[in-house]
């Protein structure tokens, strides 16, 4: 596998992981009892931390990419294994 392919797939895993971990640990103003700014939605996060999300997404994407790459090298799951037309 080329380095550019590895980087592109890793970026895809990172973006997917970022969206996956984003809602965990977030508290709203209602949960925290904080005051709302006029015009602010009550469900807006009060403790959003982009650095924490990036760190969690990086760890998760490295694990997922490691599994992907191990499967690519060892061929544990192939296209023939997930081809549902064989079972119809």
PDB file of N, CA and C in Angstrom:
ATOM      1  N   UNK A   1       0.856  -1.161   0.000  1.00  0.00           N
ATOM      2  CA  UNK A   1       0.000   0.000   0.000  1.00  0.00           C
ATOM      3  C   UNK A   1       0.908   1.232   0.000  1.00  0.00           C
ATOM      4  N   UNK A   2       0.584   2.191  -0.849  1.00  0.00           N
ATOM      5  CA  UNK A   2       1.382   3.409  -0.940  1.00  0.00           C
ATOM      6  C   UNK A   2       1.129   4.322   0.256  1.00  0.00           C
ATOM      7  N   UNK A   3       2.102   5.176   0.520  1.00  0.00           N
ATOM      8  CA  UNK A   3       2.000   6.104   1.639  1.00  0.00           C
ATOM      9  C   UNK A   3       0.822   7.064   1.449  1.00  0.00           C
ATOM     10  N   UNK A   4       0.584   7.507   0.227  1.00  0.00           N
ATOM     11  CA  UNK A   4      -0.539   8.422  -0.013  1.00  0.00           C
ATOM     12  C   UNK A   4      -1.875   7.737   0.259  1.00  0.00           C
ATOM     13  N   UNK A   5      -1.975   6.472  -0.064  1.00  0.00           N
ATOM     14  CA  UNK A   5      -3.192   5.722   0.245  1.00  0.00           C
ATOM     15  C   UNK A   5      -3.376   5.570   1.746  1.00  0.00           C
ATOM     16  N   UNK A   6      -2.284   5.305   2.447  1.00  0.00           N
ATOM     17  CA  UNK A   6      -2.347   5.178   3.899  1.00  0.00           C
ATOM     18  C   UNK A   6      -2.810   6.483   4.527  1.00  0.00           C
ATOM     19  N   UNK A   7      -2.252   7.605   4.077  1.00  0.00           N
ATOM     20  CA  UNK A   7      -2.631   8.906   4.624  1.00  0.00           C
ATOM     21  C   UNK A   7      -4.088   9.244   4.325  1.00  0.00           C
ATOM     22  N   UNK A   8      -4.550   8.943   3.107  1.00  0.00           N
ATOM     23  CA  UNK A   8      -5.936   9.244   2.742  1.00  0.00           C
ATOM     24  C   UNK A   8      -6.918   8.406   3.558  1.00  0.00           C
ATOM     25  N   UNK A   9      -6.629   7.131   3.718  1.00  0.00           N
ATOM     26  CA  UNK A   9      -7.516   6.257   4.491  1.00  0.00           C
ATOM     27  C   UNK A   9      -7.472   6.637   5.965  1.00  0.00           C
ATOM     28  N   UNK A  10      -6.289   6.985   6.467  1.00  0.00           N
ATOM     29  CA  UNK A  10      -6.170   7.420   7.853  1.00  0.00           C
ATOM     30  C   UNK A  10      -6.980   8.693   8.086  1.00  0.00           C
ATOM     31  N   UNK A  11      -6.964   9.621   7.143  1.00  0.00           N
ATOM     32  CA  UNK A  11      -7.752  10.848   7.263  1.00  0.00           C
ATOM     33  C   UNK A  11      -9.245  10.538   7.286  1.00  0.00           C
ATOM     34  N   UNK A  12      -9.676   9.608   6.463  1.00  0.00           N
ATOM     35  CA  UNK A  12     -11.087   9.212   6.472  1.00  0.00           C
ATOM     36  C   UNK A  12     -11.480   8.596   7.820  1.00  0.00           C
ATOM     37  N   UNK A  13     -10.620   7.740   8.355  1.00  0.00           N
ATOM     38  CA  UNK A  13     -10.888   7.162   9.670  1.00  0.00           C
ATOM     39  C   UNK A  13     -10.906   8.240  10.745  1.00  0.00           C
ATOM     40  N   UNK A  14     -10.025   9.250  10.631  1.00  0.00           N
ATOM     41  CA  UNK A  14      -9.972  10.311  11.637  1.00  0.00           C
ATOM     42  C   UNK A  14     -11.248  11.155  11.622  1.00  0.00           C
ATOM     43  N   UNK A  15     -11.705  11.525  10.441  1.00  0.00           N
ATOM     44  CA  UNK A  15     -12.928  12.330  10.345  1.00  0.00           C
ATOM     45  C   UNK A  15     -14.121  11.538  10.870  1.00  0.00           C
ATOM     46  N   UNK A  16     -14.221  10.274  10.499  1.00  0.00           N
ATOM     47  CA  UNK A  16     -15.308   9.430  10.988  1.00  0.00           C
ATOM     48  C   UNK A  16     -15.238   9.303  12.509  1.00  0.00           C
ATOM     49  N   UNK A  17     -14.044   9.129  13.033  1.00  0.00           N
ATOM     50  CA  UNK A  17     -13.870   9.004  14.478  1.00  0.00           C
ATOM     51  C   UNK A  17     -14.209  10.304  15.199  1.00  0.00           C
ATOM     52  N   UNK A  18     -13.865  11.432  14.609  1.00  0.00           N
ATOM     53  CA  UNK A  18     -14.168  12.721  15.236  1.00  0.00           C
ATOM     54  C   UNK A  18     -15.675  12.902  15.384  1.00  0.00           C
ATOM     55  N   UNK A  19     -16.419  12.587  14.348  1.00  0.00           N
ATOM     56  CA  UNK A  19     -17.872  12.697  14.451  1.00  0.00           C
ATOM     57  C   UNK A  19     -18.450  11.663  15.418  1.00  0.00           C
ATOM     58  N   UNK A  20     -17.777  10.542  15.553  1.00  0.00           N
ATOM     59  CA  UNK A  20     -18.257   9.499  16.456  1.00  0.00           C
ATOM     60  C   UNK A  20     -18.040   9.872  17.924  1.00  0.00           C
ATOM     61  N   UNK A  21     -16.903  10.461  18.264  1.00  0.00           N
ATOM     62  CA  UNK A  21     -16.605  10.778  19.663  1.00  0.00           C
ATOM     63  C   UNK A  21     -17.105  12.153  20.093  1.00  0.00           C
ATOM     64  N   UNK A  22     -17.542  12.977  19.162  1.00  0.00           N
ATOM     65  CA  UNK A  22     -17.930  14.344  19.491  1.00  0.00           C
ATOM     66  C   UNK A  22     -19.035  14.458  20.555  1.00  0.00           C
ATOM     67  N   UNK A  23     -20.086  13.662  20.527  1.00  0.00           N
ATOM     68  CA  UNK A  23     -21.144  13.873  21.516  1.00  0.00           C
ATOM     69  C   UNK A  23     -20.837  13.357  22.916  1.00  0.00           C
ATOM     70  N   UNK A  24     -19.781  12.599  23.112  1.00  0.00           N
ATOM     71  CA  UNK A  24     -19.498  12.024  24.431  1.00  0.00           C
ATOM     72  C   UNK A  24     -18.849  13.056  25.349  1.00  0.00           C
ATOM     73  N   UNK A  25     -19.391  13.186  26.552  1.00  0.00           N
ATOM     74  CA  UNK A  25     -18.836  14.086  27.545  1.00  0.00           C
ATOM     75  C   UNK A  25     -19.298  15.527  27.428  1.00  0.00           C
ATOM     76  N   UNK A  26     -20.195  15.809  26.524  1.00  0.00           N
ATOM     77  CA  UNK A  26     -20.690  17.175  26.333  1.00  0.00           C
ATOM     78  C   UNK A  26     -21.881  17.397  27.259  1.00  0.00           C
ATOM     79  N   UNK A  27     -21.873  18.546  27.951  1.00  0.00           N
ATOM     80  CA  UNK A  27     -22.996  18.938  28.803  1.00  0.00           C
ATOM     81  C   UNK A  27     -23.628  20.199  28.230  1.00  0.00           C
ATOM     82  N   UNK A  28     -24.950  20.274  28.302  1.00  0.00           N
ATOM     83  CA  UNK A  28     -25.656  21.467  27.827  1.00  0.00           C
ATOM     84  C   UNK A  28     -25.778  22.476  28.963  1.00  0.00           C
ATOM     85  N   UNK A  29     -26.272  23.656  28.649  1.00  0.00           N
ATOM     86  CA  UNK A  29     -26.456  24.684  29.668  1.00  0.00           C
ATOM     87  C   UNK A  29     -27.495  24.251  30.701  1.00  0.00           C
ATOM     88  N   UNK A  30     -28.491  23.507  30.261  1.00  0.00           N
ATOM     89  CA  UNK A  30     -29.493  22.994  31.196  1.00  0.00           C
ATOM     90  C   UNK A  30     -28.873  22.003  32.179  1.00  0.00           C
ATOM     91  N   UNK A  31     -27.996  21.141  31.680  1.00  0.00           N
ATOM     92  CA  UNK A  31     -27.339  20.156  32.546  1.00  0.00           C
ATOM     93  C   UNK A  31     -26.414  20.825  33.555  1.00  0.00           C
ATOM     94  N   UNK A  32     -25.739  21.877  33.120  1.00  0.00           N
ATOM     95  CA  UNK A  32     -24.716  22.522  33.937  1.00  0.00           C
ATOM     96  C   UNK A  32     -25.261  23.680  34.783  1.00  0.00           C
ATOM     97  N   UNK A  33     -26.466  24.151  34.466  1.00  0.00           N
ATOM     98  CA  UNK A  33     -27.051  25.268  35.191  1.00  0.00           C
ATOM     99  C   UNK A  33     -26.444  26.612  34.840  1.00  0.00           C
ATOM    100  N   UNK A  34     -25.823  26.709  33.673  1.00  0.00           N
ATOM    101  CA  UNK A  34     -25.177  27.954  33.252  1.00  0.00           C
ATOM    102  C   UNK A  34     -26.196  28.905  32.624  1.00  0.00           C
ATOM    103  N   UNK A  35     -25.851  30.186  32.623  1.00  0.00           N
ATOM    104  CA  UNK A  35     -26.734  31.182  32.013  1.00  0.00           C
ATOM    105  C   UNK A  35     -26.612  31.135  30.505  1.00  0.00           C
ATOM    106  N   UNK A  36     -27.734  31.398  29.834  1.00  0.00           N
ATOM    107  CA  UNK A  36     -27.754  31.437  28.381  1.00  0.00           C
ATOM    108  C   UNK A  36     -27.502  32.858  27.897  1.00  0.00           C
ATOM    109  N   UNK A  37     -26.795  32.972  26.807  1.00  0.00           N
ATOM    110  CA  UNK A  37     -26.624  34.248  26.119  1.00  0.00           C
ATOM    111  C   UNK A  37     -27.904  34.488  25.329  1.00  0.00           C
ATOM    112  N   UNK A  38     -28.403  35.714  25.260  1.00  0.00           N
ATOM    113  CA  UNK A  38     -29.635  35.953  24.499  1.00  0.00           C
ATOM    114  C   UNK A  38     -29.512  35.450  23.052  1.00  0.00           C
ATOM    115  N   UNK A  39     -30.480  34.643  22.647  1.00  0.00           N
ATOM    116  CA  UNK A  39     -30.488  34.058  21.311  1.00  0.00           C
ATOM    117  C   UNK A  39     -29.831  32.687  21.226  1.00  0.00           C
ATOM    118  N   UNK A  40     -29.295  32.214  22.334  1.00  0.00           N
ATOM    119  CA  UNK A  40     -28.614  30.923  22.348  1.00  0.00           C
ATOM    120  C   UNK A  40     -29.607  29.804  22.627  1.00  0.00           C
ATOM    121  N   UNK A  41     -29.417  28.696  21.953  1.00  0.00           N
ATOM    122  CA  UNK A  41     -30.260  27.517  22.157  1.00  0.00           C
ATOM    123  C   UNK A  41     -29.863  26.857  23.473  1.00  0.00           C
ATOM    124  N   UNK A  42     -30.842  26.368  24.214  1.00  0.00           N
ATOM    125  CA  UNK A  42     -30.542  25.773  25.518  1.00  0.00           C
ATOM    126  C   UNK A  42     -29.755  24.465  25.405  1.00  0.00           C
ATOM    127  N   UNK A  43     -29.762  23.847  24.244  1.00  0.00           N
ATOM    128  CA  UNK A  43     -29.034  22.589  24.071  1.00  0.00           C
ATOM    129  C   UNK A  43     -27.599  22.801  23.595  1.00  0.00           C
ATOM    130  N   UNK A  44     -27.146  24.040  23.482  1.00  0.00           N
ATOM    131  CA  UNK A  44     -25.773  24.317  23.054  1.00  0.00           C
ATOM    132  C   UNK A  44     -24.790  23.817  24.113  1.00  0.00           C
ATOM    133  N   UNK A  45     -23.668  23.252  23.693  1.00  0.00           N
ATOM    134  CA  UNK A  45     -22.718  22.710  24.671  1.00  0.00           C
ATOM    135  C   UNK A  45     -22.040  23.820  25.467  1.00  0.00           C
ATOM    136  N   UNK A  46     -21.851  23.543  26.754  1.00  0.00           N
ATOM    137  CA  UNK A  46     -21.202  24.507  27.627  1.00  0.00           C
ATOM    138  C   UNK A  46     -19.712  24.197  27.790  1.00  0.00           C
ATOM    139  N   UNK A  47     -19.302  22.984  27.497  1.00  0.00           N
ATOM    140  CA  UNK A  47     -17.919  22.577  27.734  1.00  0.00           C
ATOM    141  C   UNK A  47     -17.267  21.979  26.492  1.00  0.00           C
ATOM    142  N   UNK A  48     -17.504  22.538  25.327  1.00  0.00           N
ATOM    143  CA  UNK A  48     -16.922  22.010  24.096  1.00  0.00           C
ATOM    144  C   UNK A  48     -15.409  22.225  24.113  1.00  0.00           C
ATOM    145  N   UNK A  49     -14.652  21.156  23.891  1.00  0.00           N
ATOM    146  CA  UNK A  49     -13.192  21.224  23.887  1.00  0.00           C
ATOM    147  C   UNK A  49     -12.680  20.497  22.643  1.00  0.00           C
ATOM    148  N   UNK A  50     -12.289  21.269  21.643  1.00  0.00           N
ATOM    149  CA  UNK A  50     -11.853  20.693  20.365  1.00  0.00           C
ATOM    150  C   UNK A  50     -10.581  19.859  20.526  1.00  0.00           C
ATOM    151  N   UNK A  51      -9.703  20.262  21.432  1.00  0.00           N
ATOM    152  CA  UNK A  51      -8.459  19.514  21.639  1.00  0.00           C
ATOM    153  C   UNK A  51      -8.742  18.113  22.166  1.00  0.00           C
ATOM    154  N   UNK A  52      -9.673  18.016  23.118  1.00  0.00           N
ATOM    155  CA  UNK A  52     -10.031  16.711  23.683  1.00  0.00           C
ATOM    156  C   UNK A  52     -10.667  15.819  22.616  1.00  0.00           C
ATOM    157  N   UNK A  53     -11.516  16.396  21.781  1.00  0.00           N
ATOM    158  CA  UNK A  53     -12.149  15.629  20.708  1.00  0.00           C
ATOM    159  C   UNK A  53     -11.113  15.153  19.707  1.00  0.00           C
ATOM    160  N   UNK A  54     -10.150  16.022  19.364  1.00  0.00           N
ATOM    161  CA  UNK A  54      -9.095  15.640  18.424  1.00  0.00           C
ATOM    162  C   UNK A  54      -8.232  14.521  18.986  1.00  0.00           C
ATOM    163  N   UNK A  55      -7.942  14.568  20.280  1.00  0.00           N
ATOM    164  CA  UNK A  55      -7.141  13.510  20.897  1.00  0.00           C
ATOM    165  C   UNK A  55      -7.881  12.180  20.892  1.00  0.00           C
ATOM    166  N   UNK A  56      -9.149  12.218  21.279  1.00  0.00           N
ATOM    167  CA  UNK A  56      -9.940  10.981  21.276  1.00  0.00           C
ATOM    168  C   UNK A  56     -10.098  10.425  19.864  1.00  0.00           C
ATOM    169  N   UNK A  57     -10.326  11.315  18.896  1.00  0.00           N
ATOM    170  CA  UNK A  57     -10.489  10.876  17.509  1.00  0.00           C
ATOM    171  C   UNK A  57      -9.196  10.277  16.977  1.00  0.00           C
ATOM    172  N   UNK A  58      -8.070  10.840  17.369  1.00  0.00           N
ATOM    173  CA  UNK A  58      -6.783  10.317  16.915  1.00  0.00           C
ATOM    174  C   UNK A  58      -6.545   8.908  17.458  1.00  0.00           C
ATOM    175  N   UNK A  59      -6.819   8.713  18.730  1.00  0.00           N
ATOM    176  CA  UNK A  59      -6.621   7.384  19.329  1.00  0.00           C
ATOM    177  C   UNK A  59      -7.533   6.362  18.657  1.00  0.00           C
ATOM    178  N   UNK A  60      -8.814   6.713  18.510  1.00  0.00           N
ATOM    179  CA  UNK A  60      -9.760   5.784  17.892  1.00  0.00           C
ATOM    180  C   UNK A  60      -9.401   5.499  16.439  1.00  0.00           C
ATOM    181  N   UNK A  61      -8.988   6.519  15.688  1.00  0.00           N
ATOM    182  CA  UNK A  61      -8.669   6.301  14.280  1.00  0.00           C
ATOM    183  C   UNK A  61      -7.411   5.464  14.110  1.00  0.00           C
ATOM    184  N   UNK A  62      -6.453   5.598  15.013  1.00  0.00           N
ATOM    185  CA  UNK A  62      -5.246   4.761  14.939  1.00  0.00           C
ATOM    186  C   UNK A  62      -5.611   3.300  15.184  1.00  0.00           C
ATOM    187  N   UNK A  63      -6.478   3.051  16.153  1.00  0.00           N
ATOM    188  CA  UNK A  63      -6.906   1.675  16.435  1.00  0.00           C
ATOM    189  C   UNK A  63      -7.673   1.104  15.240  1.00  0.00           C
ATOM    190  N   UNK A  64      -8.622   1.872  14.718  1.00  0.00           N
ATOM    191  CA  UNK A  64      -9.414   1.393  13.577  1.00  0.00           C
ATOM    192  C   UNK A  64      -8.554   1.195  12.338  1.00  0.00           C
ATOM    193  N   UNK A  65      -7.629   2.118  12.087  1.00  0.00           N
ATOM    194  CA  UNK A  65      -6.758   1.958  10.925  1.00  0.00           C
ATOM    195  C   UNK A  65      -5.831   0.761  11.111  1.00  0.00           C
ATOM    196  N   UNK A  66      -5.383   0.530  12.340  1.00  0.00           N
ATOM    197  CA  UNK A  66      -4.549  -0.644  12.597  1.00  0.00           C
ATOM    198  C   UNK A  66      -5.283  -1.932  12.273  1.00  0.00           C
ATOM    199  N   UNK A  67      -6.552  -2.000  12.668  1.00  0.00           N
ATOM    200  CA  UNK A  67      -7.361  -3.175  12.328  1.00  0.00           C
ATOM    201  C   UNK A  67      -7.568  -3.293  10.821  1.00  0.00           C
ATOM    202  N   UNK A  68      -7.818  -2.160  10.179  1.00  0.00           N
ATOM    203  CA  UNK A  68      -8.001  -2.154   8.722  1.00  0.00           C
ATOM    204  C   UNK A  68      -6.733  -2.647   8.022  1.00  0.00           C
ATOM    205  N   UNK A  69      -5.585  -2.120   8.438  1.00  0.00           N
ATOM    206  CA  UNK A  69      -4.337  -2.483   7.785  1.00  0.00           C
ATOM    207  C   UNK A  69      -3.972  -3.949   8.044  1.00  0.00           C
ATOM    208  N   UNK A  70      -4.232  -4.417   9.268  1.00  0.00           N
ATOM    209  CA  UNK A  70      -3.971  -5.826   9.569  1.00  0.00           C
ATOM    210  C   UNK A  70      -4.849  -6.730   8.704  1.00  0.00           C
ATOM    211  N   UNK A  71      -6.099  -6.321   8.493  1.00  0.00           N
ATOM    212  CA  UNK A  71      -6.977  -7.085   7.615  1.00  0.00           C
ATOM    213  C   UNK A  71      -6.492  -7.016   6.169  1.00  0.00           C
ATOM    214  N   UNK A  72      -5.988  -5.858   5.751  1.00  0.00           N
ATOM    215  CA  UNK A  72      -5.474  -5.703   4.389  1.00  0.00           C
ATOM    216  C   UNK A  72      -4.279  -6.630   4.150  1.00  0.00           C
ATOM    217  N   UNK A  73      -3.392  -6.712   5.119  1.00  0.00           N
ATOM    218  CA  UNK A  73      -2.193  -7.532   4.971  1.00  0.00           C
ATOM    219  C   UNK A  73      -2.526  -9.022   5.077  1.00  0.00           C
ATOM    220  N   UNK A  74      -3.361  -9.388   6.048  1.00  0.00           N
ATOM    221  CA  UNK A  74      -3.624 -10.804   6.310  1.00  0.00           C
ATOM    222  C   UNK A  74      -4.819 -11.369   5.554  1.00  0.00           C
ATOM    223  N   UNK A  75      -5.692 -10.524   5.051  1.00  0.00           N
ATOM    224  CA  UNK A  75      -6.838 -10.988   4.278  1.00  0.00           C
ATOM    225  C   UNK A  75      -7.865 -11.746   5.089  1.00  0.00           C
ATOM    226  N   UNK A  76      -8.124 -11.303   6.323  1.00  0.00           N
ATOM    227  CA  UNK A  76      -9.094 -11.991   7.170  1.00  0.00           C
ATOM    228  C   UNK A  76     -10.501 -11.913   6.588  1.00  0.00           C
ATOM    229  N   UNK A  77     -10.919 -10.741   6.167  1.00  0.00           N
ATOM    230  CA  UNK A  77     -12.245 -10.541   5.570  1.00  0.00           C
ATOM    231  C   UNK A  77     -12.034 -10.023   4.163  1.00  0.00           C
ATOM    232  N   UNK A  78     -12.553 -10.756   3.184  1.00  0.00           N
ATOM    233  CA  UNK A  78     -12.399 -10.363   1.790  1.00  0.00           C
ATOM    234  C   UNK A  78     -13.762  -9.987   1.205  1.00  0.00           C
ATOM    235  N   UNK A  79     -13.755  -9.555  -0.044  1.00  0.00           N
ATOM    236  CA  UNK A  79     -15.001  -9.193  -0.720  1.00  0.00           C
ATOM    237  C   UNK A  79     -15.904 -10.409  -0.838  1.00  0.00           C
ATOM    238  N   UNK A  80     -15.324 -11.568  -1.036  1.00  0.00           N
ATOM    239  CA  UNK A  80     -16.128 -12.790  -1.135  1.00  0.00           C
ATOM    240  C   UNK A  80     -16.866 -13.103   0.167  1.00  0.00           C
ATOM    241  N   UNK A  81     -16.291 -12.702   1.294  1.00  0.00           N
ATOM    242  CA  UNK A  81     -16.931 -12.942   2.585  1.00  0.00           C
ATOM    243  C   UNK A  81     -18.154 -12.064   2.807  1.00  0.00           C
ATOM    244  N   UNK A  82     -18.182 -10.881   2.215  1.00  0.00           N
ATOM    245  CA  UNK A  82     -19.297  -9.957   2.427  1.00  0.00           C
ATOM    246  C   UNK A  82     -20.198  -9.832   1.200  1.00  0.00           C
ATOM    247  N   UNK A  83     -20.008 -10.669   0.211  1.00  0.00           N
ATOM    248  CA  UNK A  83     -20.831 -10.654  -0.991  1.00  0.00           C
ATOM    249  C   UNK A  83     -22.153 -11.341  -0.695  1.00  0.00           C
ATOM    250  N   UNK A  84     -23.231 -10.550  -0.541  1.00  0.00           N
ATOM    251  CA  UNK A  84     -24.505 -11.123  -0.162  1.00  0.00           C
ATOM    252  C   UNK A  84     -25.224 -11.810  -1.317  1.00  0.00           C
ATOM    253  N   UNK A  85     -24.772 -11.602  -2.546  1.00  0.00           N
ATOM    254  CA  UNK A  85     -25.438 -12.257  -3.677  1.00  0.00           C
ATOM    255  C   UNK A  85     -25.181 -13.757  -3.671  1.00  0.00           C
ATOM    256  N   UNK A  86     -24.168 -14.212  -2.964  1.00  0.00           N
ATOM    257  CA  UNK A  86     -23.904 -15.647  -2.857  1.00  0.00           C
ATOM    258  C   UNK A  86     -24.976 -16.351  -2.057  1.00  0.00           C
ATOM    259  N   UNK A  87     -25.668 -15.596  -1.183  1.00  0.00           N
ATOM    260  CA  UNK A  87     -26.633 -16.186  -0.279  1.00  0.00           C
ATOM    261  C   UNK A  87     -28.073 -16.034  -0.761  1.00  0.00           C
ATOM    262  N   UNK A  88     -28.283 -15.320  -1.840  1.00  0.00           N
ATOM    263  CA  UNK A  88     -29.654 -15.114  -2.336  1.00  0.00           C
ATOM    264  C   UNK A  88     -30.115 -16.219  -3.234  1.00  0.00           C
TER     265      UNK A  88
END
